[in-house]
Amino acid sequence: MKQLTRTAKKLTRKRQMNSSRAPLTFRKTAACPAASTLLSFRSEKLSPEIAALVRKHLTDCEFCEAELRLLAHLKRAGRTPRTPEMPSNLRILAESILCQKS
């Protein structure tokens, strides 16, 4: 009986500790620039206005700062990421759905 009580107390403490933790915020959000924009920022191909917005975002967003460092590493390794082409059958389906809604 004492063992069950100790186990229950441990589980209760563990739940309390887990519920008091702050939620994870290290993630990409809708406000984050695309990877291609970060690459353009790194290679200084953005307009001064857009570059200033990205620079400001990077001061507030640890995720994008880390992503920029990762993309810089990939570029040095000679592997520049590129956006894959949309498969033609998926493009046709998307266009037909969009045309129906218009």
Protein backbone atom coordinates (compact mmCIF):
# COMPACT_ATOMS: atom_id res chain seq x y z
CA MET A 1 0.00 0.00 0.00
CA LYS A 2 2.80 2.40 0.91
CA GLN A 3 4.50 1.63 -2.41
CA LEU A 4 1.35 2.56 -4.34
CA THR A 5 1.06 5.83 -2.42
CA ARG A 6 4.68 6.74 -3.18
CA THR A 7 4.21 5.92 -6.85
CA ALA A 8 1.06 8.01 -7.03
CA LYS A 9 2.83 10.96 -5.39
CA LYS A 10 5.73 10.68 -7.85
CA LEU A 11 3.35 10.62 -10.81
CA THR A 12 1.47 13.64 -9.46
CA ARG A 13 4.73 15.59 -9.04
CA LYS A 14 5.86 14.61 -12.53
CA ARG A 15 2.55 15.81 -14.06
CA GLN A 16 2.80 19.10 -12.19
CA MET A 17 6.35 19.64 -13.44
CA ASN A 18 5.35 18.88 -17.03
CA SER A 19 2.32 21.15 -16.93
CA SER A 20 4.35 24.07 -15.56
CA ARG A 21 6.81 24.04 -18.45
CA ALA A 22 6.50 26.77 -21.04
CA PRO A 23 5.23 25.57 -24.42
CA LEU A 24 7.83 25.03 -27.12
CA THR A 25 8.12 28.07 -29.34
CA PHE A 26 11.12 27.04 -31.45
CA ARG A 27 9.21 26.61 -34.69
CA LYS A 28 8.51 28.30 -37.99
CA THR A 29 5.38 30.44 -38.02
CA ALA A 30 3.35 32.17 -40.70
CA ALA A 31 5.33 35.36 -39.99
CA CYS A 32 8.64 33.68 -40.81
CA PRO A 33 10.27 34.30 -44.21
CA ALA A 34 10.64 31.38 -46.61
CA ALA A 35 13.97 29.59 -46.88
CA SER A 36 14.47 31.10 -50.34
CA THR A 37 14.07 34.58 -48.84
CA LEU A 38 16.64 33.78 -46.17
CA LEU A 39 19.03 32.58 -48.88
CA SER A 40 18.47 35.80 -50.82
CA PHE A 41 19.07 37.77 -47.65
CA ARG A 42 22.33 35.94 -47.05
CA SER A 43 23.54 36.60 -50.59
CA GLU A 44 22.39 40.26 -50.34
CA LYS A 45 19.93 39.96 -53.23
CA LEU A 46 16.97 41.57 -51.43
CA SER A 47 15.88 45.17 -51.68
CA PRO A 48 17.02 47.31 -48.74
CA GLU A 49 13.44 47.49 -47.41
CA ILE A 50 12.90 43.73 -47.46
CA ALA A 51 16.39 43.09 -46.08
CA ALA A 52 15.60 45.41 -43.16
CA LEU A 53 12.40 43.48 -42.43
CA VAL A 54 14.24 40.15 -42.53
CA ARG A 55 17.03 41.54 -40.32
CA LYS A 56 14.45 42.71 -37.76
CA HIS A 57 12.69 39.34 -37.87
CA LEU A 58 16.00 37.55 -37.28
CA THR A 59 16.57 39.53 -34.08
CA ASP A 60 13.23 38.29 -32.72
CA CYS A 61 13.08 34.72 -34.12
CA GLU A 62 15.56 32.13 -32.92
CA PHE A 63 14.20 29.57 -35.37
CA CYS A 64 14.89 31.68 -38.46
CA GLU A 65 18.30 32.66 -37.12
CA ALA A 66 19.14 28.96 -36.76
CA GLU A 67 17.66 28.20 -40.19
CA LEU A 68 19.83 30.92 -41.75
CA ARG A 69 22.93 29.40 -40.15
CA LEU A 70 21.91 25.96 -41.43
CA LEU A 71 21.29 27.25 -44.94
CA ALA A 72 24.69 28.97 -44.90
CA HIS A 73 26.28 25.66 -43.94
CA LEU A 74 24.53 23.83 -46.77
CA LYS A 75 25.61 26.44 -49.29
CA ARG A 76 29.25 26.16 -48.20
CA ALA A 77 29.01 22.42 -48.71
CA GLY A 78 27.99 23.07 -52.32
CA ARG A 79 24.40 21.93 -51.91
CA THR A 80 22.18 24.89 -52.61
CA PRO A 81 18.60 23.91 -51.78
CA ARG A 82 16.08 24.59 -54.49
CA THR A 83 12.34 24.53 -54.55
CA PRO A 84 11.09 21.36 -56.23
CA GLU A 85 8.74 21.65 -59.17
CA MET A 86 5.12 20.80 -58.53
CA PRO A 87 4.17 17.54 -60.24
CA SER A 88 2.08 18.27 -63.34
CA ASN A 89 -0.87 16.11 -62.24
CA LEU A 90 -1.01 17.98 -58.92
CA ARG A 91 -0.83 21.33 -60.73
CA ILE A 92 -3.72 20.31 -63.03
CA LEU A 93 -5.80 19.20 -60.04
CA ALA A 94 -5.09 22.44 -58.15
CA GLU A 95 -5.94 24.57 -61.16
CA SER A 96 -9.20 22.71 -61.74
CA ILE A 97 -10.21 23.20 -58.09
CA LEU A 98 -9.31 26.89 -58.21
CA CYS A 99 -11.24 27.38 -61.47
CA GLN A 100 -14.34 25.80 -59.92
CA LYS A 101 -14.26 28.28 -57.02
CA SER A 102 -13.96 31.33 -59.30
